[in-house]
Structures are given as structure tokens and as C-alpha cells.
Amino acid sequence: MLTKKAKYALRALSALARNEAGYTQARDIAQDAQVPEKFLETILVELRNACLVESKRGARGGHRLARPAEQINIGEIIRTIDGPLAPIPCASHTRYRPCDDCVDPARCALRLLMVDVRTAMSDVVDTRTLRDLSEAAGPPRRRTKQAKPSKPSSEAA
């Protein structure tokens, strides 16, 4: 199951992919992605450590993708935040660990089923890119400033 943290990371990166003009402030990413800003800051640190985003301090700073969106696949993002795709450790391709109570991992029906589940998931998320996700999401959601109501003119009476 995809964690909320991974969902938020995907939304945030999708927002960055839709706004590749430059650096985007965390509060704008949070607003566009509908993600709590404090939680987003933690996620952005992980994404930066995984070289998926770049950050810059200052008035013109913010965050941007470290690579073009079409070069970042969804599986890479999920694995960065949630770890292996496999539902159980003995089905993991990258972090295989046999179950403590398993007599024969090579013949375990549950393990074989979960390997198929992991492979099916991987076939989807490793062939879809951040560009695909961002295009499906549509244009960025930006808050527009409300025009202040004009004061009644004393000449109009």
C-alpha cells in the first residue's frame, strides 16, 4: 500500500514538473499539491537527499526537479519514500530477506504470489514517468488574489 507520505511526494513532484520555469517556494508547492506545508518540508529533504530535487535558499530560491520530469520514473519516487515495492520482504528484489518461519523459500506459494504482485507493480510504476503523472494532473492550481471591493465613490450619489 502506498503511504500518505509517498502520495504527497508524488503530488509535490508532479507540481514541480508542471512548473519547470525555475525554483518554486515550498508554500506554493504545498498549495498546488494540496499537501500540509510542514509535512512537505520533511518530504522535500528526503527527495533532495535522493537527488530528485534541488533546493536553493534566498528570495529567488525554492525547489525544482533535479532532472527533467521525463527522466524520473514513478517507481524511483515510491522506493525513495516507502522503500521496496514488494508487499513482504521475501518477495523484494532489492532487499530480499527470508521469512523466519519459512521452511523452503523456493517453494513457498505465498512468496511466489507476492513476487508476481511486486513484478506487476514494478511493470507499471517503472514505465511511467513524472511527466506522465504531471500531464494527467492538468495545470497547476494557484490561489488567485481576490480583488478588494472598491469603495463607493462620493461622486456617484
C-alpha atoms as a PDB file:
ATOM      1  CA  MET A   1       0.000   0.000   0.000  1.00  0.00           C
ATOM      2  CA  LEU A   2       1.204   3.465  -0.867  1.00  0.00           C
ATOM      3  CA  THR A   3       1.754   5.596   2.224  1.00  0.00           C
ATOM      4  CA  LYS A   4       0.379   9.107   2.587  1.00  0.00           C
ATOM      5  CA  LYS A   5       3.968  10.356   2.560  1.00  0.00           C
ATOM      6  CA  ALA A   6       4.575   8.765  -0.858  1.00  0.00           C
ATOM      7  CA  LYS A   7       1.282  10.163  -2.190  1.00  0.00           C
ATOM      8  CA  TYR A   8       2.302  13.635  -1.040  1.00  0.00           C
ATOM      9  CA  ALA A   9       5.760  13.219  -2.596  1.00  0.00           C
ATOM     10  CA  LEU A  10       4.191  12.243  -5.920  1.00  0.00           C
ATOM     11  CA  ARG A  11       1.821  15.214  -5.784  1.00  0.00           C
ATOM     12  CA  ALA A  12       4.625  17.625  -4.884  1.00  0.00           C
ATOM     13  CA  LEU A  13       6.929  16.385  -7.633  1.00  0.00           C
ATOM     14  CA  SER A  14       4.063  16.499 -10.098  1.00  0.00           C
ATOM     15  CA  ALA A  15       3.507  20.150  -9.129  1.00  0.00           C
ATOM     16  CA  LEU A  16       7.209  20.861  -9.711  1.00  0.00           C
ATOM     17  CA  ALA A  17       7.048  19.094 -13.080  1.00  0.00           C
ATOM     18  CA  ARG A  18       4.170  21.345 -14.149  1.00  0.00           C
ATOM     19  CA  ASN A  19       6.150  24.436 -13.153  1.00  0.00           C
ATOM     20  CA  GLU A  20       9.620  23.850 -14.571  1.00  0.00           C
ATOM     21  CA  ALA A  21      10.324  27.534 -15.180  1.00  0.00           C
ATOM     22  CA  GLY A  22      12.536  27.826 -12.119  1.00  0.00           C
ATOM     23  CA  TYR A  23      12.527  27.412  -8.377  1.00  0.00           C
ATOM     24  CA  THR A  24       9.201  27.114  -6.566  1.00  0.00           C
ATOM     25  CA  GLN A  25       8.694  28.040  -2.915  1.00  0.00           C
ATOM     26  CA  ALA A  26       7.563  25.235  -0.591  1.00  0.00           C
ATOM     27  CA  ARG A  27       4.343  27.069   0.298  1.00  0.00           C
ATOM     28  CA  ASP A  28       3.400  27.248  -3.404  1.00  0.00           C
ATOM     29  CA  ILE A  29       4.166  23.559  -3.894  1.00  0.00           C
ATOM     30  CA  ALA A  30       2.095  22.726  -0.813  1.00  0.00           C
ATOM     31  CA  GLN A  31      -0.824  24.759  -2.112  1.00  0.00           C
ATOM     32  CA  ASP A  32      -0.671  23.308  -5.623  1.00  0.00           C
ATOM     33  CA  ALA A  33      -0.237  19.730  -4.391  1.00  0.00           C
ATOM     34  CA  GLN A  34      -2.759  20.072  -1.543  1.00  0.00           C
ATOM     35  CA  VAL A  35      -0.129  18.883   0.950  1.00  0.00           C
ATOM     36  CA  PRO A  36       0.434  20.173   4.514  1.00  0.00           C
ATOM     37  CA  GLU A  37       3.431  22.520   4.300  1.00  0.00           C
ATOM     38  CA  LYS A  38       5.250  21.210   7.407  1.00  0.00           C
ATOM     39  CA  PHE A  39       4.974  17.608   6.197  1.00  0.00           C
ATOM     40  CA  LEU A  40       6.081  18.693   2.721  1.00  0.00           C
ATOM     41  CA  GLU A  41       9.281  20.197   4.109  1.00  0.00           C
ATOM     42  CA  THR A  42      10.259  16.807   5.566  1.00  0.00           C
ATOM     43  CA  ILE A  43       9.450  15.093   2.277  1.00  0.00           C
ATOM     44  CA  LEU A  44      11.464  17.631   0.280  1.00  0.00           C
ATOM     45  CA  VAL A  45      14.533  16.886   2.406  1.00  0.00           C
ATOM     46  CA  GLU A  46      14.260  13.182   1.522  1.00  0.00           C
ATOM     47  CA  LEU A  47      13.731  13.972  -2.143  1.00  0.00           C
ATOM     48  CA  ARG A  48      16.743  16.292  -2.112  1.00  0.00           C
ATOM     49  CA  ASN A  49      18.893  13.624  -0.421  1.00  0.00           C
ATOM     50  CA  ALA A  50      17.837  11.186  -3.165  1.00  0.00           C
ATOM     51  CA  CYS A  51      18.852  13.749  -5.848  1.00  0.00           C
ATOM     52  CA  LEU A  52      15.299  14.081  -7.156  1.00  0.00           C
ATOM     53  CA  VAL A  53      15.007  17.780  -6.296  1.00  0.00           C
ATOM     54  CA  GLU A  54      17.415  20.675  -5.938  1.00  0.00           C
ATOM     55  CA  SER A  55      16.927  23.427  -3.402  1.00  0.00           C
ATOM     56  CA  LYS A  56      18.179  26.986  -3.272  1.00  0.00           C
ATOM     57  CA  ARG A  57      17.908  29.423  -0.381  1.00  0.00           C
ATOM     58  CA  GLY A  58      17.011  33.059  -0.629  1.00  0.00           C
ATOM     59  CA  ALA A  59      14.364  35.306  -2.083  1.00  0.00           C
ATOM     60  CA  ARG A  60      14.659  33.701  -5.524  1.00  0.00           C
ATOM     61  CA  GLY A  61      15.105  30.256  -4.056  1.00  0.00           C
ATOM     62  CA  GLY A  62      12.872  27.292  -3.598  1.00  0.00           C
ATOM     63  CA  HIS A  63      12.823  23.819  -5.094  1.00  0.00           C
ATOM     64  CA  ARG A  64      12.984  22.367  -8.593  1.00  0.00           C
ATOM     65  CA  LEU A  65      13.409  18.967 -10.182  1.00  0.00           C
ATOM     66  CA  ALA A  66      16.998  17.776 -10.324  1.00  0.00           C
ATOM     67  CA  ARG A  67      16.352  16.099 -13.706  1.00  0.00           C
ATOM     68  CA  PRO A  68      13.742  16.537 -16.422  1.00  0.00           C
ATOM     69  CA  ALA A  69      10.376  15.024 -15.461  1.00  0.00           C
ATOM     70  CA  GLU A  70      10.556  12.501 -18.292  1.00  0.00           C
ATOM     71  CA  GLN A  71      13.743  11.060 -16.750  1.00  0.00           C
ATOM     72  CA  ILE A  72      12.216  10.374 -13.320  1.00  0.00           C
ATOM     73  CA  ASN A  73      10.048   7.282 -13.087  1.00  0.00           C
ATOM     74  CA  ILE A  74       7.309   6.837 -10.522  1.00  0.00           C
ATOM     75  CA  GLY A  75       8.899   3.674  -9.119  1.00  0.00           C
ATOM     76  CA  GLU A  76      12.037   5.608  -8.179  1.00  0.00           C
ATOM     77  CA  ILE A  77       9.968   8.104  -6.204  1.00  0.00           C
ATOM     78  CA  ILE A  78       7.950   5.433  -4.397  1.00  0.00           C
ATOM     79  CA  ARG A  79      11.072   3.453  -3.500  1.00  0.00           C
ATOM     80  CA  THR A  80      12.758   6.627  -2.223  1.00  0.00           C
ATOM     81  CA  ILE A  81       9.920   7.363   0.185  1.00  0.00           C
ATOM     82  CA  ASP A  82       8.410   3.948   1.007  1.00  0.00           C
ATOM     83  CA  GLY A  83      11.226   1.516   0.259  1.00  0.00           C
ATOM     84  CA  PRO A  84      10.793  -1.688  -1.768  1.00  0.00           C
ATOM     85  CA  LEU A  85       7.587  -2.295  -3.729  1.00  0.00           C
ATOM     86  CA  ALA A  86       7.276  -5.893  -2.518  1.00  0.00           C
ATOM     87  CA  PRO A  87       4.459  -6.478  -0.019  1.00  0.00           C
ATOM     88  CA  ILE A  88       6.652  -8.857   2.016  1.00  0.00           C
ATOM     89  CA  PRO A  89      10.462  -8.899   2.445  1.00  0.00           C
ATOM     90  CA  CYS A  90      10.976 -12.330   0.882  1.00  0.00           C
ATOM     91  CA  ALA A  91       9.462 -11.046  -2.387  1.00  0.00           C
ATOM     92  CA  SER A  92      11.715  -7.995  -2.596  1.00  0.00           C
ATOM     93  CA  HIS A  93      14.135  -7.765  -5.489  1.00  0.00           C
ATOM     94  CA  THR A  94      16.421  -5.217  -3.835  1.00  0.00           C
ATOM     95  CA  ARG A  95      16.060  -6.053  -0.128  1.00  0.00           C
ATOM     96  CA  TYR A  96      15.319  -9.770  -0.062  1.00  0.00           C
ATOM     97  CA  ARG A  97      15.057 -11.241   3.403  1.00  0.00           C
ATOM     98  CA  PRO A  98      13.654 -14.745   4.016  1.00  0.00           C
ATOM     99  CA  CYS A  99      10.795 -15.114   6.471  1.00  0.00           C
ATOM    100  CA  ASP A 100      11.762 -16.507   9.865  1.00  0.00           C
ATOM    101  CA  ASP A 101       9.153 -19.264   9.696  1.00  0.00           C
ATOM    102  CA  CYS A 102       9.689 -20.313   6.066  1.00  0.00           C
ATOM    103  CA  VAL A 103      10.918 -23.859   5.501  1.00  0.00           C
ATOM    104  CA  ASP A 104      11.632 -23.569   1.751  1.00  0.00           C
ATOM    105  CA  PRO A 105      11.541 -20.067   0.185  1.00  0.00           C
ATOM    106  CA  ALA A 106      11.948 -21.524  -3.328  1.00  0.00           C
ATOM    107  CA  ARG A 107       8.646 -23.434  -2.978  1.00  0.00           C
ATOM    108  CA  CYS A 108       6.656 -21.066  -0.780  1.00  0.00           C
ATOM    109  CA  ALA A 109       3.367 -20.382  -2.604  1.00  0.00           C
ATOM    110  CA  LEU A 110       2.779 -17.103  -0.744  1.00  0.00           C
ATOM    111  CA  ARG A 111       6.239 -15.814  -1.640  1.00  0.00           C
ATOM    112  CA  LEU A 112       5.781 -16.765  -5.308  1.00  0.00           C
ATOM    113  CA  LEU A 113       2.432 -14.953  -5.397  1.00  0.00           C
ATOM    114  CA  MET A 114       3.926 -11.822  -3.801  1.00  0.00           C
ATOM    115  CA  VAL A 115       6.818 -11.880  -6.297  1.00  0.00           C
ATOM    116  CA  ASP A 116       4.193 -11.732  -9.061  1.00  0.00           C
ATOM    117  CA  VAL A 117       2.481  -8.819  -7.266  1.00  0.00           C
ATOM    118  CA  ARG A 118       5.795  -6.965  -6.962  1.00  0.00           C
ATOM    119  CA  THR A 119       6.612  -7.603 -10.618  1.00  0.00           C
ATOM    120  CA  ALA A 120       3.198  -6.348 -11.785  1.00  0.00           C
ATOM    121  CA  MET A 121       3.557  -3.169  -9.729  1.00  0.00           C
ATOM    122  CA  SER A 122       7.082  -2.623 -10.972  1.00  0.00           C
ATOM    123  CA  ASP A 123       5.993  -3.088 -14.591  1.00  0.00           C
ATOM    124  CA  VAL A 124       3.595  -0.170 -14.159  1.00  0.00           C
ATOM    125  CA  VAL A 125       5.459   2.301 -11.938  1.00  0.00           C
ATOM    126  CA  ASP A 126       8.848   1.801 -13.594  1.00  0.00           C
ATOM    127  CA  THR A 127       7.491   2.596 -17.052  1.00  0.00           C
ATOM    128  CA  ARG A 128       5.523   5.706 -16.093  1.00  0.00           C
ATOM    129  CA  THR A 129       7.347   8.972 -15.606  1.00  0.00           C
ATOM    130  CA  LEU A 130       6.782  12.071 -13.589  1.00  0.00           C
ATOM    131  CA  ARG A 131       5.963  13.809 -16.894  1.00  0.00           C
ATOM    132  CA  ASP A 132       3.115  11.290 -17.455  1.00  0.00           C
ATOM    133  CA  LEU A 133       1.774  11.955 -13.964  1.00  0.00           C
ATOM    134  CA  SER A 134       2.008  15.733 -14.219  1.00  0.00           C
ATOM    135  CA  GLU A 135       0.291  15.823 -17.614  1.00  0.00           C
ATOM    136  CA  ALA A 136      -2.562  13.707 -16.255  1.00  0.00           C
ATOM    137  CA  ALA A 137      -2.950  16.125 -13.319  1.00  0.00           C
ATOM    138  CA  GLY A 138      -3.503  19.161 -15.527  1.00  0.00           C
ATOM    139  CA  PRO A 139      -2.356  22.754 -14.966  1.00  0.00           C
ATOM    140  CA  PRO A 140      -1.116  23.921 -11.559  1.00  0.00           C
ATOM    141  CA  ARG A 141      -3.663  25.061  -9.004  1.00  0.00           C
ATOM    142  CA  ARG A 142      -2.706  28.568  -7.987  1.00  0.00           C
ATOM    143  CA  ARG A 143      -4.501  30.708  -5.482  1.00  0.00           C
ATOM    144  CA  THR A 144      -5.645  33.903  -7.102  1.00  0.00           C
ATOM    145  CA  LYS A 145      -5.780  37.060  -5.050  1.00  0.00           C
ATOM    146  CA  GLN A 146      -9.258  38.368  -4.527  1.00  0.00           C
ATOM    147  CA  ALA A 147      -9.780  41.891  -5.757  1.00  0.00           C
ATOM    148  CA  LYS A 148     -10.685  44.198  -2.893  1.00  0.00           C
ATOM    149  CA  PRO A 149     -14.171  45.608  -3.197  1.00  0.00           C
ATOM    150  CA  SER A 150     -13.973  49.152  -4.415  1.00  0.00           C
ATOM    151  CA  LYS A 151     -15.095  51.899  -2.089  1.00  0.00           C
ATOM    152  CA  PRO A 152     -18.258  53.652  -3.173  1.00  0.00           C
ATOM    153  CA  SER A 153     -17.447  56.892  -4.868  1.00  0.00           C
ATOM    154  CA  SER A 154     -18.798  60.046  -3.237  1.00  0.00           C
ATOM    155  CA  GLU A 155     -19.378  61.486  -6.705  1.00  0.00           C
ATOM    156  CA  ALA A 156     -21.824  58.729  -7.668  1.00  0.00           C
ATOM    157  CA  ALA A 157     -24.541  59.921  -5.242  1.00  0.00           C
END
